[in-house]
């Protein structure tokens, strides 16, 4: 259990480092926001990540200590319920960490990742429509709509307006 906790913590820290480096290379953020606002949002996200990592680490260590010398089969139903609740809490912390990582990346990078993820789905939809595969096309349209809604909700949670999201989704014009 301790080995898994260490691996999880290392993975989170490495992800944080990669995101921070990517943010630095991307030039820092979305249009429509001042540099000061982006910097403040990043500092807040970093502080939140540090807090989440500490909370996750303490939860994992406490669970490892409680499980020492015991197996899942030996646990009472009350202990199993408590373990499930801790697992749900861990999932919430990980979801919060993902939101904080998105805040570090900035809106433009999140939008680019979304477009890259959507490209194969849109290509598959075009193929299904061309082949007149109505059932498949319908499923792909629903999947695309669901993913687009998740993206819009994520961006709104990051403080972007629909107009800002639309601008980010437009291809960048090369500056001469």
N, C-alpha and C. Protein backbone atom coordinates (compact mmCIF):
# COMPACT_ATOMS: atom_id res chain seq x y z
N UNK A 1 0.82 -1.19 0.00
CA UNK A 1 0.00 0.00 0.00
C UNK A 1 0.87 1.26 0.00
N UNK A 2 1.96 1.24 0.80
CA UNK A 2 2.84 2.40 0.85
C UNK A 2 3.50 2.64 -0.50
N UNK A 3 3.83 1.55 -1.20
CA UNK A 3 4.45 1.68 -2.52
C UNK A 3 3.49 2.37 -3.48
N UNK A 4 2.21 1.98 -3.44
CA UNK A 4 1.21 2.61 -4.30
C UNK A 4 1.05 4.08 -3.97
N UNK A 5 1.08 4.42 -2.70
CA UNK A 5 0.96 5.83 -2.29
C UNK A 5 2.13 6.63 -2.82
N UNK A 6 3.32 6.07 -2.71
CA UNK A 6 4.50 6.77 -3.21
C UNK A 6 4.44 6.98 -4.70
N UNK A 7 4.00 5.96 -5.41
CA UNK A 7 3.89 6.06 -6.87
C UNK A 7 2.87 7.11 -7.24
N UNK A 8 1.73 7.13 -6.54
CA UNK A 8 0.69 8.10 -6.82
C UNK A 8 1.20 9.52 -6.60
N UNK A 9 1.88 9.74 -5.50
CA UNK A 9 2.39 11.07 -5.18
C UNK A 9 3.44 11.50 -6.21
N UNK A 10 4.32 10.59 -6.58
CA UNK A 10 5.33 10.91 -7.59
C UNK A 10 4.67 11.25 -8.92
N UNK A 11 3.63 10.49 -9.30
CA UNK A 11 2.93 10.75 -10.56
C UNK A 11 2.29 12.14 -10.54
N UNK A 12 1.68 12.49 -9.43
CA UNK A 12 1.04 13.80 -9.32
C UNK A 12 2.08 14.91 -9.42
N UNK A 13 3.18 14.76 -8.72
CA UNK A 13 4.23 15.78 -8.75
C UNK A 13 4.83 15.91 -10.15
N UNK A 14 5.06 14.79 -10.82
CA UNK A 14 5.59 14.85 -12.18
C UNK A 14 4.60 15.52 -13.14
N UNK A 15 3.33 15.19 -12.97
CA UNK A 15 2.31 15.82 -13.81
C UNK A 15 2.30 17.32 -13.59
N UNK A 16 2.42 17.73 -12.34
CA UNK A 16 2.47 19.15 -12.01
C UNK A 16 3.68 19.81 -12.67
N UNK A 17 4.82 19.15 -12.61
CA UNK A 17 6.04 19.71 -13.20
C UNK A 17 5.90 19.85 -14.72
N UNK A 18 5.33 18.84 -15.36
CA UNK A 18 5.14 18.88 -16.82
C UNK A 18 4.18 20.00 -17.19
N UNK A 19 3.10 20.13 -16.43
CA UNK A 19 2.12 21.19 -16.72
C UNK A 19 2.74 22.56 -16.54
N UNK A 20 3.53 22.72 -15.50
CA UNK A 20 4.18 24.01 -15.27
C UNK A 20 5.14 24.34 -16.41
N UNK A 21 5.90 23.35 -16.85
CA UNK A 21 6.83 23.57 -17.96
C UNK A 21 6.06 23.88 -19.24
N UNK A 22 4.97 23.16 -19.48
CA UNK A 22 4.16 23.40 -20.68
C UNK A 22 3.56 24.80 -20.63
N UNK A 23 3.15 25.21 -19.47
CA UNK A 23 2.58 26.55 -19.35
C UNK A 23 3.64 27.59 -19.69
N UNK A 24 4.83 27.41 -19.21
CA UNK A 24 5.91 28.35 -19.49
C UNK A 24 6.21 28.42 -20.98
N UNK A 25 6.17 27.29 -21.67
CA UNK A 25 6.44 27.26 -23.10
C UNK A 25 5.29 27.87 -23.89
N UNK A 26 4.07 27.71 -23.39
CA UNK A 26 2.90 28.20 -24.12
C UNK A 26 2.80 29.72 -24.05
N UNK A 27 3.59 30.35 -23.21
CA UNK A 27 3.55 31.79 -23.14
C UNK A 27 2.50 32.30 -22.19
N UNK A 28 1.88 31.42 -21.48
CA UNK A 28 1.09 31.81 -20.37
C UNK A 28 -0.36 32.08 -20.49
N UNK A 29 -1.18 31.75 -21.28
CA UNK A 29 -2.56 31.90 -20.91
C UNK A 29 -3.48 32.32 -22.01
N UNK A 30 -4.70 32.57 -21.60
CA UNK A 30 -5.75 32.86 -22.54
C UNK A 30 -5.88 34.34 -22.83
N UNK A 31 -6.45 34.63 -23.98
CA UNK A 31 -6.71 36.01 -24.33
C UNK A 31 -7.90 36.49 -23.53
N UNK A 32 -7.97 37.79 -23.32
CA UNK A 32 -9.09 38.33 -22.59
C UNK A 32 -8.84 38.39 -21.10
N UNK A 33 -7.72 37.92 -20.66
CA UNK A 33 -7.35 37.98 -19.26
C UNK A 33 -6.02 38.68 -19.18
N UNK A 34 -5.87 39.50 -18.16
CA UNK A 34 -4.60 40.16 -17.96
C UNK A 34 -3.59 39.20 -17.39
N UNK A 35 -2.31 39.55 -17.58
CA UNK A 35 -1.25 38.68 -17.06
C UNK A 35 -1.36 38.54 -15.56
N UNK A 36 -1.71 39.63 -14.88
CA UNK A 36 -1.84 39.58 -13.41
C UNK A 36 -2.92 38.62 -12.97
N UNK A 37 -4.05 38.60 -13.69
CA UNK A 37 -5.13 37.68 -13.35
C UNK A 37 -4.70 36.23 -13.57
N UNK A 38 -4.00 35.98 -14.68
CA UNK A 38 -3.54 34.62 -14.96
C UNK A 38 -2.54 34.19 -13.90
N UNK A 39 -1.64 35.09 -13.55
CA UNK A 39 -0.62 34.76 -12.55
C UNK A 39 -1.28 34.45 -11.20
N UNK A 40 -2.28 35.24 -10.84
CA UNK A 40 -2.99 35.01 -9.59
C UNK A 40 -3.72 33.66 -9.61
N UNK A 41 -4.35 33.36 -10.74
CA UNK A 41 -5.05 32.07 -10.87
C UNK A 41 -4.07 30.91 -10.79
N UNK A 42 -2.89 31.09 -11.37
CA UNK A 42 -1.87 30.04 -11.32
C UNK A 42 -1.37 29.84 -9.89
N UNK A 43 -1.13 30.92 -9.19
CA UNK A 43 -0.66 30.81 -7.81
C UNK A 43 -1.70 30.11 -6.94
N UNK A 44 -2.96 30.45 -7.16
CA UNK A 44 -4.04 29.82 -6.42
C UNK A 44 -4.11 28.32 -6.75
N UNK A 45 -3.95 27.99 -8.05
CA UNK A 45 -3.99 26.59 -8.46
C UNK A 45 -2.82 25.82 -7.87
N UNK A 46 -1.63 26.42 -7.85
CA UNK A 46 -0.47 25.75 -7.26
C UNK A 46 -0.67 25.50 -5.77
N UNK A 47 -1.19 26.50 -5.08
CA UNK A 47 -1.45 26.34 -3.65
C UNK A 47 -2.49 25.23 -3.42
N UNK A 48 -3.52 25.21 -4.25
CA UNK A 48 -4.53 24.17 -4.14
C UNK A 48 -3.96 22.79 -4.42
N UNK A 49 -3.08 22.70 -5.41
CA UNK A 49 -2.44 21.41 -5.71
C UNK A 49 -1.58 20.93 -4.55
N UNK A 50 -0.82 21.84 -3.97
CA UNK A 50 0.01 21.47 -2.83
C UNK A 50 -0.85 20.97 -1.67
N UNK A 51 -1.95 21.66 -1.43
CA UNK A 51 -2.86 21.26 -0.36
C UNK A 51 -3.48 19.89 -0.66
N UNK A 52 -3.89 19.69 -1.90
CA UNK A 52 -4.50 18.42 -2.30
C UNK A 52 -3.51 17.27 -2.20
N UNK A 53 -2.27 17.51 -2.61
CA UNK A 53 -1.24 16.48 -2.53
C UNK A 53 -1.01 16.09 -1.07
N UNK A 54 -0.93 17.09 -0.20
CA UNK A 54 -0.71 16.81 1.22
C UNK A 54 -1.88 16.00 1.79
N UNK A 55 -3.10 16.39 1.43
CA UNK A 55 -4.29 15.68 1.92
C UNK A 55 -4.30 14.25 1.40
N UNK A 56 -3.99 14.08 0.13
CA UNK A 56 -3.97 12.75 -0.48
C UNK A 56 -2.90 11.87 0.17
N UNK A 57 -1.75 12.46 0.40
CA UNK A 57 -0.65 11.72 1.03
C UNK A 57 -1.04 11.27 2.43
N UNK A 58 -1.62 12.16 3.22
CA UNK A 58 -1.98 11.78 4.59
C UNK A 58 -3.08 10.72 4.60
N UNK A 59 -4.04 10.84 3.66
CA UNK A 59 -5.10 9.82 3.58
C UNK A 59 -4.52 8.46 3.23
N UNK A 60 -3.60 8.45 2.27
CA UNK A 60 -3.01 7.19 1.82
C UNK A 60 -2.18 6.56 2.92
N UNK A 61 -1.41 7.38 3.63
CA UNK A 61 -0.59 6.86 4.73
C UNK A 61 -1.46 6.32 5.86
N UNK A 62 -2.55 7.03 6.17
CA UNK A 62 -3.46 6.56 7.23
C UNK A 62 -4.12 5.25 6.83
N UNK A 63 -4.50 5.13 5.57
CA UNK A 63 -5.13 3.89 5.12
C UNK A 63 -4.12 2.74 5.13
N UNK A 64 -2.89 3.02 4.73
CA UNK A 64 -1.86 1.98 4.74
C UNK A 64 -1.61 1.50 6.17
N UNK A 65 -1.59 2.43 7.10
CA UNK A 65 -1.38 2.07 8.51
C UNK A 65 -2.55 1.23 9.03
N UNK A 66 -3.77 1.60 8.66
CA UNK A 66 -4.95 0.87 9.11
C UNK A 66 -5.02 -0.53 8.51
N UNK A 67 -4.47 -0.69 7.31
CA UNK A 67 -4.53 -1.98 6.62
C UNK A 67 -3.35 -2.90 6.97
N UNK A 68 -2.38 -2.37 7.69
CA UNK A 68 -1.18 -3.14 8.01
C UNK A 68 -1.54 -4.48 8.63
N UNK A 69 -1.13 -5.56 7.98
CA UNK A 69 -1.35 -6.90 8.50
C UNK A 69 -2.77 -7.41 8.32
N UNK A 70 -3.61 -6.68 7.63
CA UNK A 70 -5.00 -7.10 7.43
C UNK A 70 -5.29 -7.26 5.94
N UNK A 71 -6.28 -8.06 5.65
CA UNK A 71 -6.73 -8.17 4.26
C UNK A 71 -8.17 -7.66 4.19
N UNK A 72 -8.61 -7.38 2.99
CA UNK A 72 -9.96 -6.86 2.78
C UNK A 72 -11.01 -7.84 3.32
N UNK A 73 -10.74 -9.14 3.18
CA UNK A 73 -11.69 -10.16 3.63
C UNK A 73 -11.83 -10.16 5.15
N UNK A 74 -10.79 -9.74 5.87
CA UNK A 74 -10.81 -9.75 7.33
C UNK A 74 -11.54 -8.53 7.91
N UNK A 75 -11.87 -7.58 7.09
CA UNK A 75 -12.47 -6.34 7.57
C UNK A 75 -13.95 -6.51 7.89
N UNK A 76 -14.42 -5.70 8.83
CA UNK A 76 -15.85 -5.68 9.13
C UNK A 76 -16.55 -4.87 8.03
N UNK A 77 -17.86 -5.00 7.97
CA UNK A 77 -18.63 -4.24 6.98
C UNK A 77 -18.47 -2.74 7.22
N UNK A 78 -18.38 -2.35 8.47
CA UNK A 78 -18.19 -0.94 8.81
C UNK A 78 -16.84 -0.43 8.27
N UNK A 79 -15.79 -1.25 8.42
CA UNK A 79 -14.47 -0.87 7.91
C UNK A 79 -14.48 -0.78 6.38
N UNK A 80 -15.19 -1.69 5.74
CA UNK A 80 -15.28 -1.67 4.28
C UNK A 80 -16.01 -0.42 3.80
N UNK A 81 -17.08 -0.06 4.50
CA UNK A 81 -17.83 1.15 4.15
C UNK A 81 -16.93 2.37 4.30
N UNK A 82 -16.18 2.40 5.39
CA UNK A 82 -15.26 3.52 5.62
C UNK A 82 -14.22 3.60 4.51
N UNK A 83 -13.73 2.44 4.08
CA UNK A 83 -12.75 2.41 3.01
C UNK A 83 -13.33 2.91 1.69
N UNK A 84 -14.57 2.53 1.40
CA UNK A 84 -15.24 3.01 0.18
C UNK A 84 -15.41 4.53 0.23
N UNK A 85 -15.78 5.05 1.39
CA UNK A 85 -15.94 6.50 1.54
C UNK A 85 -14.61 7.22 1.33
N UNK A 86 -13.55 6.63 1.85
CA UNK A 86 -12.23 7.22 1.64
C UNK A 86 -11.86 7.20 0.16
N UNK A 87 -12.23 6.14 -0.53
CA UNK A 87 -11.97 6.05 -1.96
C UNK A 87 -12.74 7.13 -2.72
N UNK A 88 -13.97 7.38 -2.32
CA UNK A 88 -14.76 8.44 -2.95
C UNK A 88 -14.14 9.80 -2.68
N UNK A 89 -13.66 10.00 -1.46
CA UNK A 89 -13.00 11.26 -1.12
C UNK A 89 -11.73 11.44 -1.95
N UNK A 90 -10.98 10.36 -2.15
CA UNK A 90 -9.79 10.42 -2.99
C UNK A 90 -10.14 10.81 -4.42
N UNK A 91 -11.23 10.25 -4.92
CA UNK A 91 -11.68 10.59 -6.28
C UNK A 91 -12.02 12.08 -6.39
N UNK A 92 -12.66 12.63 -5.37
CA UNK A 92 -13.00 14.05 -5.37
C UNK A 92 -11.72 14.90 -5.36
N UNK A 93 -10.75 14.47 -4.56
CA UNK A 93 -9.48 15.21 -4.51
C UNK A 93 -8.79 15.16 -5.86
N UNK A 94 -8.80 14.00 -6.51
CA UNK A 94 -8.15 13.87 -7.82
C UNK A 94 -8.87 14.74 -8.86
N UNK A 95 -10.20 14.81 -8.80
CA UNK A 95 -10.95 15.66 -9.72
C UNK A 95 -10.59 17.13 -9.49
N UNK A 96 -10.47 17.50 -8.23
CA UNK A 96 -10.06 18.87 -7.90
C UNK A 96 -8.66 19.16 -8.42
N UNK A 97 -7.78 18.19 -8.31
CA UNK A 97 -6.42 18.36 -8.81
C UNK A 97 -6.42 18.53 -10.32
N UNK A 98 -7.29 17.81 -11.02
CA UNK A 98 -7.38 17.96 -12.47
C UNK A 98 -7.81 19.37 -12.84
N UNK A 99 -8.78 19.92 -12.10
CA UNK A 99 -9.22 21.29 -12.35
C UNK A 99 -8.08 22.27 -12.11
N UNK A 100 -7.31 22.04 -11.07
CA UNK A 100 -6.18 22.92 -10.77
C UNK A 100 -5.11 22.81 -11.85
N UNK A 101 -4.90 21.61 -12.38
CA UNK A 101 -3.93 21.44 -13.47
C UNK A 101 -4.41 22.19 -14.72
N UNK A 102 -5.71 22.13 -14.99
CA UNK A 102 -6.26 22.87 -16.13
C UNK A 102 -6.05 24.37 -15.94
N UNK A 103 -6.23 24.84 -14.72
CA UNK A 103 -6.00 26.27 -14.46
C UNK A 103 -4.55 26.64 -14.71
N UNK A 104 -3.63 25.75 -14.38
CA UNK A 104 -2.20 26.01 -14.63
C UNK A 104 -1.91 26.06 -16.13
N UNK A 105 -2.55 25.19 -16.87
CA UNK A 105 -2.31 25.13 -18.31
C UNK A 105 -2.79 26.40 -19.00
N UNK A 106 -3.91 26.90 -18.55
CA UNK A 106 -4.49 28.06 -19.20
C UNK A 106 -5.51 27.63 -20.24
N UNK A 107 -6.41 28.53 -20.55
CA UNK A 107 -7.52 28.22 -21.44
C UNK A 107 -7.10 27.81 -22.84
N UNK A 108 -6.11 28.50 -23.39
CA UNK A 108 -5.72 28.20 -24.78
C UNK A 108 -5.20 26.77 -24.90
N UNK A 109 -4.38 26.33 -23.96
CA UNK A 109 -3.83 24.97 -24.04
C UNK A 109 -4.93 23.93 -23.83
N UNK A 110 -5.85 24.18 -22.92
CA UNK A 110 -6.97 23.27 -22.70
C UNK A 110 -7.82 23.19 -23.97
N UNK A 111 -8.03 24.33 -24.61
CA UNK A 111 -8.81 24.36 -25.87
C UNK A 111 -8.10 23.57 -26.96
N UNK A 112 -6.79 23.72 -27.07
CA UNK A 112 -6.04 22.98 -28.09
C UNK A 112 -6.12 21.48 -27.83
N UNK A 113 -6.00 21.06 -26.58
CA UNK A 113 -6.09 19.64 -26.24
C UNK A 113 -7.49 19.12 -26.60
N UNK A 114 -8.50 19.93 -26.33
CA UNK A 114 -9.88 19.53 -26.65
C UNK A 114 -10.03 19.34 -28.16
N UNK A 115 -9.50 20.29 -28.93
CA UNK A 115 -9.61 20.17 -30.39
C UNK A 115 -8.90 18.92 -30.90
N UNK A 116 -7.74 18.62 -30.33
CA UNK A 116 -7.00 17.42 -30.75
C UNK A 116 -7.79 16.16 -30.41
N UNK A 117 -8.46 16.15 -29.27
CA UNK A 117 -9.25 14.99 -28.87
C UNK A 117 -10.48 14.83 -29.76
N UNK A 118 -11.05 15.94 -30.19
CA UNK A 118 -12.29 15.90 -30.97
C UNK A 118 -12.06 15.55 -32.44
N UNK A 119 -10.87 15.81 -32.96
CA UNK A 119 -10.60 15.58 -34.38
C UNK A 119 -10.91 14.15 -34.83
N UNK A 120 -10.42 13.11 -34.14
CA UNK A 120 -10.76 11.75 -34.62
C UNK A 120 -12.26 11.44 -34.53
N UNK A 121 -12.94 12.00 -33.52
CA UNK A 121 -14.38 11.78 -33.43
C UNK A 121 -15.11 12.42 -34.59
N UNK A 122 -14.71 13.63 -34.94
CA UNK A 122 -15.35 14.31 -36.06
C UNK A 122 -15.05 13.61 -37.38
N UNK A 123 -13.85 13.07 -37.53
CA UNK A 123 -13.51 12.31 -38.73
C UNK A 123 -14.34 11.03 -38.82
N UNK A 124 -14.51 10.36 -37.68
CA UNK A 124 -15.32 9.14 -37.66
C UNK A 124 -16.78 9.47 -37.98
N UNK A 125 -17.28 10.60 -37.48
CA UNK A 125 -18.64 11.02 -37.78
C UNK A 125 -18.81 11.28 -39.28
N UNK A 126 -17.86 11.99 -39.87
CA UNK A 126 -17.93 12.27 -41.31
C UNK A 126 -17.94 10.97 -42.11
N UNK A 127 -17.12 10.02 -41.69
CA UNK A 127 -17.08 8.73 -42.37
C UNK A 127 -18.41 7.99 -42.24
N UNK A 128 -18.97 8.00 -41.03
CA UNK A 128 -20.25 7.33 -40.82
C UNK A 128 -21.36 7.98 -41.64
N UNK A 129 -21.34 9.31 -41.72
CA UNK A 129 -22.35 10.01 -42.52
C UNK A 129 -22.17 9.70 -44.00
N UNK A 130 -20.93 9.63 -44.45
CA UNK A 130 -20.65 9.33 -45.85
C UNK A 130 -21.13 7.92 -46.21
N UNK A 131 -20.96 6.99 -45.28
CA UNK A 131 -21.37 5.60 -45.50
C UNK A 131 -22.84 5.37 -45.18
N UNK A 132 -23.53 6.45 -44.79
CA UNK A 132 -24.95 6.39 -44.46
C UNK A 132 -25.22 5.44 -43.28
N UNK A 133 -24.30 5.41 -42.33
CA UNK A 133 -24.46 4.59 -41.13
C UNK A 133 -25.13 5.47 -40.07
N UNK A 134 -26.45 5.56 -40.15
CA UNK A 134 -27.19 6.50 -39.31
C UNK A 134 -27.08 6.19 -37.82
N UNK A 135 -27.11 4.94 -37.46
CA UNK A 135 -26.99 4.58 -36.04
C UNK A 135 -25.65 5.00 -35.47
N UNK A 136 -24.59 4.68 -36.21
CA UNK A 136 -23.24 5.04 -35.77
C UNK A 136 -23.07 6.55 -35.75
N UNK A 137 -23.58 7.23 -36.76
CA UNK A 137 -23.48 8.69 -36.82
C UNK A 137 -24.21 9.31 -35.64
N UNK A 138 -25.37 8.78 -35.30
CA UNK A 138 -26.13 9.29 -34.15
C UNK A 138 -25.37 9.13 -32.85
N UNK A 139 -24.75 7.97 -32.67
CA UNK A 139 -23.97 7.74 -31.44
C UNK A 139 -22.77 8.69 -31.39
N UNK A 140 -22.11 8.89 -32.51
CA UNK A 140 -20.96 9.79 -32.55
C UNK A 140 -21.38 11.24 -32.31
N UNK A 141 -22.52 11.65 -32.87
CA UNK A 141 -23.01 13.00 -32.64
C UNK A 141 -23.29 13.22 -31.15
N UNK A 142 -23.89 12.23 -30.50
CA UNK A 142 -24.16 12.33 -29.06
C UNK A 142 -22.86 12.41 -28.27
N UNK A 143 -21.90 11.57 -28.61
CA UNK A 143 -20.61 11.56 -27.93
C UNK A 143 -19.90 12.92 -28.09
N UNK A 144 -19.92 13.46 -29.31
CA UNK A 144 -19.29 14.76 -29.58
C UNK A 144 -20.00 15.85 -28.77
N UNK A 145 -21.32 15.82 -28.75
CA UNK A 145 -22.07 16.83 -28.01
C UNK A 145 -21.77 16.75 -26.51
N UNK A 146 -21.69 15.53 -25.98
CA UNK A 146 -21.37 15.35 -24.56
C UNK A 146 -19.98 15.88 -24.24
N UNK A 147 -19.01 15.54 -25.07
CA UNK A 147 -17.64 16.02 -24.85
C UNK A 147 -17.56 17.54 -24.95
N UNK A 148 -18.30 18.11 -25.90
CA UNK A 148 -18.29 19.57 -26.07
C UNK A 148 -18.90 20.24 -24.83
N UNK A 149 -19.97 19.66 -24.29
CA UNK A 149 -20.60 20.21 -23.09
C UNK A 149 -19.63 20.14 -21.91
N UNK A 150 -18.94 19.02 -21.75
CA UNK A 150 -17.96 18.88 -20.67
C UNK A 150 -16.87 19.94 -20.80
N UNK A 151 -16.40 20.16 -22.02
CA UNK A 151 -15.38 21.17 -22.27
C UNK A 151 -15.91 22.56 -21.92
N UNK A 152 -17.10 22.89 -22.39
CA UNK A 152 -17.68 24.20 -22.09
C UNK A 152 -17.85 24.41 -20.59
N UNK A 153 -18.30 23.37 -19.89
CA UNK A 153 -18.46 23.46 -18.43
C UNK A 153 -17.11 23.66 -17.75
N UNK A 154 -16.09 22.95 -18.22
CA UNK A 154 -14.75 23.09 -17.65
C UNK A 154 -14.23 24.51 -17.84
N UNK A 155 -14.40 25.03 -19.04
CA UNK A 155 -13.92 26.38 -19.33
C UNK A 155 -14.70 27.43 -18.54
N UNK A 156 -16.01 27.23 -18.39
CA UNK A 156 -16.81 28.16 -17.60
C UNK A 156 -16.36 28.14 -16.14
N UNK A 157 -16.03 26.95 -15.63
CA UNK A 157 -15.53 26.84 -14.26
C UNK A 157 -14.19 27.55 -14.10
N UNK A 158 -13.45 27.65 -15.18
CA UNK A 158 -12.17 28.36 -15.14
C UNK A 158 -12.36 29.87 -15.30
N UNK A 159 -13.60 30.30 -15.54
CA UNK A 159 -13.90 31.72 -15.62
C UNK A 159 -13.96 32.29 -17.02
N UNK A 160 -14.00 31.47 -18.03
CA UNK A 160 -14.06 31.94 -19.41
C UNK A 160 -15.50 32.10 -19.86
N UNK A 161 -15.77 33.15 -20.60
CA UNK A 161 -17.10 33.39 -21.16
C UNK A 161 -17.23 32.59 -22.46
N UNK A 162 -18.46 32.38 -22.92
CA UNK A 162 -18.64 31.68 -24.21
C UNK A 162 -17.92 32.39 -25.36
N UNK A 163 -17.88 33.73 -25.33
CA UNK A 163 -17.18 34.47 -26.39
C UNK A 163 -15.68 34.20 -26.36
N UNK A 164 -15.11 34.15 -25.15
CA UNK A 164 -13.68 33.86 -25.03
C UNK A 164 -13.38 32.44 -25.50
N UNK A 165 -14.26 31.52 -25.17
CA UNK A 165 -14.08 30.13 -25.59
C UNK A 165 -14.11 30.05 -27.12
N UNK A 166 -15.08 30.75 -27.73
CA UNK A 166 -15.17 30.75 -29.20
C UNK A 166 -13.89 31.30 -29.82
N UNK A 167 -13.35 32.39 -29.26
CA UNK A 167 -12.11 32.97 -29.80
C UNK A 167 -10.95 31.97 -29.67
N UNK A 168 -10.88 31.27 -28.57
CA UNK A 168 -9.80 30.30 -28.38
C UNK A 168 -9.90 29.13 -29.35
N UNK A 169 -11.12 28.81 -29.74
CA UNK A 169 -11.33 27.66 -30.62
C UNK A 169 -11.04 28.01 -32.08
N UNK A 170 -10.94 29.30 -32.39
CA UNK A 170 -10.61 29.71 -33.75
C UNK A 170 -9.13 29.48 -33.98
N UNK A 171 -8.76 29.05 -35.18
CA UNK A 171 -7.34 28.85 -35.47
C UNK A 171 -6.59 30.17 -35.33
N UNK A 172 -5.42 30.11 -34.75
CA UNK A 172 -4.59 31.31 -34.59
C UNK A 172 -4.07 31.75 -35.93
N UNK A 173 -4.12 33.04 -36.17
CA UNK A 173 -3.54 33.59 -37.39
C UNK A 173 -2.07 33.87 -37.13
N UNK A 174 -1.26 33.51 -38.06
CA UNK A 174 0.17 33.74 -37.91
C UNK A 174 0.48 35.22 -38.00
N UNK A 175 1.29 35.66 -37.06
CA UNK A 175 1.69 37.06 -37.08
C UNK A 175 2.92 37.20 -37.94
N UNK A 176 2.91 38.21 -38.81
CA UNK A 176 4.02 38.41 -39.73
C UNK A 176 5.15 39.09 -39.03
